[in-house]
PDB file of N, CA and C in Angstrom:
ATOM      1  N   CYS A   1     118.281  73.803  84.593  1.00  0.00           N
ATOM      2  CA  CYS A   1     118.773  74.979  84.210  1.00  0.00           C
ATOM      3  C   CYS A   1     119.381  74.787  82.628  1.00  0.00           C
ATOM      4  N   HIS A   2     119.340  75.852  81.971  1.00  0.00           N
ATOM      5  CA  HIS A   2     119.749  75.770  80.383  1.00  0.00           C
ATOM      6  C   HIS A   2     121.258  75.277  80.495  1.00  0.00           C
ATOM      7  N   HIS A   3     121.706  74.526  79.704  1.00  0.00           N
ATOM      8  CA  HIS A   3     123.026  73.978  79.759  1.00  0.00           C
ATOM      9  C   HIS A   3     124.178  74.963  79.154  1.00  0.00           C
ATOM     10  N   VAL A   4     123.602  76.099  78.442  1.00  0.00           N
ATOM     11  CA  VAL A   4     124.509  77.162  77.924  1.00  0.00           C
ATOM     12  C   VAL A   4     124.474  78.298  78.707  1.00  0.00           C
ATOM     13  N   THR A   5     123.321  78.803  78.800  1.00  0.00           N
ATOM     14  CA  THR A   5     123.133  80.132  79.554  1.00  0.00           C
ATOM     15  C   THR A   5     123.193  79.995  81.195  1.00  0.00           C
ATOM     16  N   GLY A   6     122.800  78.842  81.684  1.00  0.00           N
ATOM     17  CA  GLY A   6     122.692  78.571  83.002  1.00  0.00           C
ATOM     18  C   GLY A   6     121.703  79.248  83.778  1.00  0.00           C
ATOM     19  N   VAL A   7     120.593  79.717  82.897  1.00  0.00           N
ATOM     20  CA  VAL A   7     119.385  80.286  83.551  1.00  0.00           C
ATOM     21  C   VAL A   7     118.537  79.270  83.784  1.00  0.00           C
ATOM     22  N   CYS A   8     117.757  79.203  85.079  1.00  0.00           N
ATOM     23  CA  CYS A   8     117.100  78.204  85.245  1.00  0.00           C
ATOM     24  C   CYS A   8     115.603  78.655  84.983  1.00  0.00           C
ATOM     25  N   SER A   9     114.684  77.717  84.628  1.00  0.00           N
ATOM     26  CA  SER A   9     113.336  77.892  84.386  1.00  0.00           C
ATOM     27  C   SER A   9     112.613  77.229  85.662  1.00  0.00           C
ATOM     28  N   CYS A  10     112.273  78.048  86.623  1.00  0.00           N
ATOM     29  CA  CYS A  10     111.767  77.459  87.822  1.00  0.00           C
ATOM     30  C   CYS A  10     110.311  77.009  87.706  1.00  0.00           C
ATOM     31  N   PRO A  11     109.838  76.009  88.357  1.00  0.00           N
ATOM     32  CA  PRO A  11     108.353  75.703  88.618  1.00  0.00           C
ATOM     33  C   PRO A  11     107.725  76.720  89.169  1.00  0.00           C
ATOM     34  N   PRO A  12     106.388  76.876  88.905  1.00  0.00           N
ATOM     35  CA  PRO A  12     105.386  77.731  89.571  1.00  0.00           C
ATOM     36  C   PRO A  12     105.736  77.828  91.001  1.00  0.00           C
ATOM     37  N   GLY A  13     105.636  79.016  91.579  1.00  0.00           N
ATOM     38  CA  GLY A  13     105.815  79.084  93.016  1.00  0.00           C
ATOM     39  C   GLY A  13     107.351  79.204  93.530  1.00  0.00           C
ATOM     40  N   TRP A  14     108.350  79.082  92.671  1.00  0.00           N
ATOM     41  CA  TRP A  14     109.778  79.196  92.943  1.00  0.00           C
ATOM     42  C   TRP A  14     110.549  80.175  92.055  1.00  0.00           C
ATOM     43  N   THR A  15     111.424  80.761  92.713  1.00  0.00           N
ATOM     44  CA  THR A  15     112.285  81.793  91.959  1.00  0.00           C
ATOM     45  C   THR A  15     113.684  81.631  92.402  1.00  0.00           C
ATOM     46  N   GLY A  16     114.579  82.457  91.892  1.00  0.00           N
ATOM     47  CA  GLY A  16     116.025  82.544  92.228  1.00  0.00           C
ATOM     48  C   GLY A  16     116.734  81.675  91.028  1.00  0.00           C
ATOM     49  N   HIS A  17     118.185  81.938  91.150  1.00  0.00           N
ATOM     50  CA  HIS A  17     119.010  81.430  90.262  1.00  0.00           C
ATOM     51  C   HIS A  17     118.902  79.911  90.329  1.00  0.00           C
ATOM     52  N   ASP A  18     118.811  79.372  91.363  1.00  0.00           N
ATOM     53  CA  ASP A  18     118.851  77.787  91.604  1.00  0.00           C
ATOM     54  C   ASP A  18     117.385  77.314  91.940  1.00  0.00           C
ATOM     55  N   CYS A  19     116.342  78.143  91.883  1.00  0.00           N
ATOM     56  CA  CYS A  19     115.055  77.789  92.042  1.00  0.00           C
ATOM     57  C   CYS A  19     114.859  77.314  93.533  1.00  0.00           C
ATOM     58  N   LYS A  20     115.545  77.752  94.568  1.00  0.00           N
ATOM     59  CA  LYS A  20     115.269  77.440  95.738  1.00  0.00           C
ATOM     60  C   LYS A  20     114.568  78.304  96.722  1.00  0.00           C
ATOM     61  N   HIS A  21     114.092  79.420  96.256  1.00  0.00           N
ATOM     62  CA  HIS A  21     113.275  80.406  96.970  1.00  0.00           C
ATOM     63  C   HIS A  21     111.825  80.449  96.625  1.00  0.00           C
ATOM     64  N   PRO A  22     111.032  80.350  97.481  1.00  0.00           N
ATOM     65  CA  PRO A  22     109.483  80.406  97.200  1.00  0.00           C
ATOM     66  C   PRO A  22     109.293  81.819  96.865  1.00  0.00           C
ATOM     67  N   CYS A  23     108.199  82.055  96.161  1.00  0.00           N
ATOM     68  CA  CYS A  23     107.547  83.367  95.809  1.00  0.00           C
ATOM     69  C   CYS A  23     107.568  84.196  97.223  1.00  0.00           C
ATOM     70  N   SER A  24     107.774  85.351  97.193  1.00  0.00           N
ATOM     71  CA  SER A  24     107.456  86.236  98.323  1.00  0.00           C
ATOM     72  C   SER A  24     105.946  86.329  98.655  1.00  0.00           C
ATOM     73  N   SER A  25     105.690  86.801  99.830  1.00  0.00           N
ATOM     74  CA  SER A  25     104.124  86.738 100.165  1.00  0.00           C
ATOM     75  C   SER A  25     103.409  87.733  99.381  1.00  0.00           C
ATOM     76  N   GLY A  26     102.229  87.310  98.741  1.00  0.00           N
ATOM     77  CA  GLY A  26     101.463  88.097  97.961  1.00  0.00           C
ATOM     78  C   GLY A  26     101.701  87.865  96.610  1.00  0.00           C
ATOM     79  N   ARG A  27     102.672  86.959  96.177  1.00  0.00           N
ATOM     80  CA  ARG A  27     102.964  86.712  94.802  1.00  0.00           C
ATOM     81  C   ARG A  27     102.756  85.239  94.675  1.00  0.00           C
ATOM     82  N   TRP A  28     102.704  84.764  93.230  1.00  0.00           N
ATOM     83  CA  TRP A  28     102.490  83.326  92.985  1.00  0.00           C
ATOM     84  C   TRP A  28     102.723  83.106  91.590  1.00  0.00           C
ATOM     85  N   GLY A  29     102.883  81.825  91.001  1.00  0.00           N
ATOM     86  CA  GLY A  29     103.033  81.288  89.628  1.00  0.00           C
ATOM     87  C   GLY A  29     104.408  81.369  89.122  1.00  0.00           C
ATOM     88  N   GLN A  30     104.241  81.222  87.855  1.00  0.00           N
ATOM     89  CA  GLN A  30     105.570  81.055  87.103  1.00  0.00           C
ATOM     90  C   GLN A  30     106.323  82.446  87.280  1.00  0.00           C
ATOM     91  N   ASP A  31     107.551  82.358  87.636  1.00  0.00           N
ATOM     92  CA  ASP A  31     108.563  83.603  87.889  1.00  0.00           C
ATOM     93  C   ASP A  31     107.866  84.455  88.829  1.00  0.00           C
ATOM     94  N   CYS A  32     107.003  83.980  89.795  1.00  0.00           N
ATOM     95  CA  CYS A  32     106.193  84.812  90.815  1.00  0.00           C
ATOM     96  C   CYS A  32     105.610  86.129  90.270  1.00  0.00           C
ATOM     97  N   ALA A  33     105.056  85.982  89.035  1.00  0.00           N
ATOM     98  CA  ALA A  33     104.618  87.146  88.183  1.00  0.00           C
ATOM     99  C   ALA A  33     103.233  87.561  88.711  1.00  0.00           C
ATOM    100  N   ASN A  34     102.409  86.768  89.287  1.00  0.00           N
ATOM    101  CA  ASN A  34     101.275  87.084  89.694  1.00  0.00           C
ATOM    102  C   ASN A  34     101.027  87.640  91.142  1.00  0.00           C
ATOM    103  N   SER A  35     100.042  88.470  91.219  1.00  0.00           N
ATOM    104  CA  SER A  35      99.706  88.944  92.578  1.00  0.00           C
ATOM    105  C   SER A  35      98.483  88.297  93.050  1.00  0.00           C
ATOM    106  N   CYS A  36      98.495  87.775  94.428  1.00  0.00           N
ATOM    107  CA  CYS A  36      97.335  87.335  95.098  1.00  0.00           C
ATOM    108  C   CYS A  36      96.178  88.190  94.910  1.00  0.00           C
ATOM    109  N   ALA A  37      94.923  87.531  94.896  1.00  0.00           N
ATOM    110  CA  ALA A  37      93.711  88.328  94.723  1.00  0.00           C
ATOM    111  C   ALA A  37      92.863  87.881  95.910  1.00  0.00           C
ATOM    112  N   CYS A  38      93.296  88.099  96.984  1.00  0.00           N
ATOM    113  CA  CYS A  38      92.482  87.737  98.248  1.00  0.00           C
ATOM    114  C   CYS A  38      91.953  88.987  98.977  1.00  0.00           C
ATOM    115  N   ASP A  39      90.584  88.932  99.245  1.00  0.00           N
ATOM    116  CA  ASP A  39      90.038  90.095  99.904  1.00  0.00           C
ATOM    117  C   ASP A  39      90.364  90.195 101.381  1.00  0.00           C
ATOM    118  N   SER A  40      90.126  89.063 102.037  1.00  0.00           N
ATOM    119  CA  SER A  40      90.369  89.164 103.472  1.00  0.00           C
ATOM    120  C   SER A  40      91.405  88.096 103.993  1.00  0.00           C
ATOM    121  N   GLY A  41      91.971  88.322 105.027  1.00  0.00           N
ATOM    122  CA  GLY A  41      93.088  87.327 105.419  1.00  0.00           C
ATOM    123  C   GLY A  41      94.345  87.876 105.412  1.00  0.00           C
ATOM    124  N   ASP A  42      95.386  87.127 105.404  1.00  0.00           N
ATOM    125  CA  ASP A  42      96.625  87.831 105.555  1.00  0.00           C
ATOM    126  C   ASP A  42      97.257  88.200 104.043  1.00  0.00           C
ATOM    127  N   GLY A  43      96.450  88.126 103.095  1.00  0.00           N
ATOM    128  CA  GLY A  43      96.911  88.627 101.748  1.00  0.00           C
ATOM    129  C   GLY A  43      97.585  87.505 101.001  1.00  0.00           C
ATOM    130  N   GLY A  44      97.812  86.533 101.758  1.00  0.00           N
ATOM    131  CA  GLY A  44      98.785  85.556 101.248  1.00  0.00           C
ATOM    132  C   GLY A  44      97.903  84.511 100.437  1.00  0.00           C
ATOM    133  N   CYS A  45      98.670  83.717  99.559  1.00  0.00           N
ATOM    134  CA  CYS A  45      98.140  82.656  98.674  1.00  0.00           C
ATOM    135  C   CYS A  45      99.105  81.587  98.534  1.00  0.00           C
ATOM    136  N   ASP A  46      98.677  80.421  98.046  1.00  0.00           N
ATOM    137  CA  ASP A  46      99.624  79.361  97.577  1.00  0.00           C
ATOM    138  C   ASP A  46     100.751  79.936  96.570  1.00  0.00           C
ATOM    139  N   PRO A  47     101.851  79.808  96.810  1.00  0.00           N
ATOM    140  CA  PRO A  47     102.907  80.282  95.712  1.00  0.00           C
ATOM    141  C   PRO A  47     102.841  79.508  94.455  1.00  0.00           C
ATOM    142  N   ALA A  48     102.363  78.343  94.309  1.00  0.00           N
ATOM    143  CA  ALA A  48     102.277  77.716  93.002  1.00  0.00           C
ATOM    144  C   ALA A  48     100.911  77.863  92.254  1.00  0.00           C
ATOM    145  N   THR A  49      99.723  77.914  93.176  1.00  0.00           N
ATOM    146  CA  THR A  49      98.573  77.906  92.363  1.00  0.00           C
ATOM    147  C   THR A  49      97.726  79.275  92.578  1.00  0.00           C
ATOM    148  N   GLY A  50      97.984  80.173  93.568  1.00  0.00           N
ATOM    149  CA  GLY A  50      97.491  81.322  93.857  1.00  0.00           C
ATOM    150  C   GLY A  50      96.212  81.176  94.562  1.00  0.00           C
ATOM    151  N   THR A  51      95.947  79.800  95.257  1.00  0.00           N
ATOM    152  CA  THR A  51      94.672  79.884  96.054  1.00  0.00           C
ATOM    153  C   THR A  51      94.926  80.550  97.331  1.00  0.00           C
ATOM    154  N   CYS A  52      93.878  81.213  97.698  1.00  0.00           N
ATOM    155  CA  CYS A  52      93.939  82.114  98.868  1.00  0.00           C
ATOM    156  C   CYS A  52      93.927  81.510 100.146  1.00  0.00           C
ATOM    157  N   SER A  53      94.571  81.984 101.213  1.00  0.00           N
ATOM    158  CA  SER A  53      94.763  81.469 102.398  1.00  0.00           C
ATOM    159  C   SER A  53      93.691  82.241 103.407  1.00  0.00           C
ATOM    160  N   CYS A  54      92.571  81.719 103.582  1.00  0.00           N
ATOM    161  CA  CYS A  54      91.495  82.489 104.131  1.00  0.00           C
ATOM    162  C   CYS A  54      91.628  82.444 105.845  1.00  0.00           C
ATOM    163  N   GLN A  55      91.450  83.541 106.314  1.00  0.00           N
ATOM    164  CA  GLN A  55      91.423  83.592 107.781  1.00  0.00           C
ATOM    165  C   GLN A  55      90.131  83.112 108.311  1.00  0.00           C
ATOM    166  N   PRO A  56      89.960  82.518 109.598  1.00  0.00           N
ATOM    167  CA  PRO A  56      88.588  82.037 110.181  1.00  0.00           C
ATOM    168  C   PRO A  56      87.602  83.010 109.769  1.00  0.00           C
ATOM    169  N   GLY A  57      86.380  82.506 109.387  1.00  0.00           N
ATOM    170  CA  GLY A  57      85.230  83.275 109.202  1.00  0.00           C
ATOM    171  C   GLY A  57      85.216  83.793 107.636  1.00  0.00           C
ATOM    172  N   PHE A  58      86.131  83.681 106.949  1.00  0.00           N
ATOM    173  CA  PHE A  58      86.183  84.051 105.501  1.00  0.00           C
ATOM    174  C   PHE A  58      86.277  82.778 104.613  1.00  0.00           C
ATOM    175  N   THR A  59      85.531  82.700 103.555  1.00  0.00           N
ATOM    176  CA  THR A  59      85.597  81.560 102.677  1.00  0.00           C
ATOM    177  C   THR A  59      85.445  81.970 101.307  1.00  0.00           C
ATOM    178  N   GLY A  60      85.549  80.941 100.409  1.00  0.00           N
ATOM    179  CA  GLY A  60      85.382  81.231  98.857  1.00  0.00           C
ATOM    180  C   GLY A  60      86.689  81.597  98.148  1.00  0.00           C
ATOM    181  N   GLN A  61      86.712  81.735  96.984  1.00  0.00           N
ATOM    182  CA  GLN A  61      87.945  81.754  96.077  1.00  0.00           C
ATOM    183  C   GLN A  61      88.774  83.060  96.536  1.00  0.00           C
ATOM    184  N   HIS A  62      88.175  84.145  96.961  1.00  0.00           N
ATOM    185  CA  HIS A  62      88.844  85.389  97.397  1.00  0.00           C
ATOM    186  C   HIS A  62      88.763  85.845  98.781  1.00  0.00           C
ATOM    187  N   CYS A  63      88.297  84.749  99.680  1.00  0.00           N
ATOM    188  CA  CYS A  63      87.983  84.920 101.187  1.00  0.00           C
ATOM    189  C   CYS A  63      87.135  86.129 101.317  1.00  0.00           C
ATOM    190  N   GLN A  64      85.998  85.948 100.798  1.00  0.00           N
ATOM    191  CA  GLN A  64      84.998  87.001 101.180  1.00  0.00           C
ATOM    192  C   GLN A  64      84.159  86.931 102.456  1.00  0.00           C
TER     193      GLN A  64
END
């Protein structure tokens, strides 16, 4: 956290004043600013990388 402002710069996938909260479902990246781009499955992705979490029977970058 910044020593003067107290604002934390969280690593990708984390948010909150103390960076202890993972991105909400469907969000990922720095400040959880990105939306998951997954076609099938639960719509979720890795909060740090955005890699889709595919359901059985679906594969590929976007779970097609």
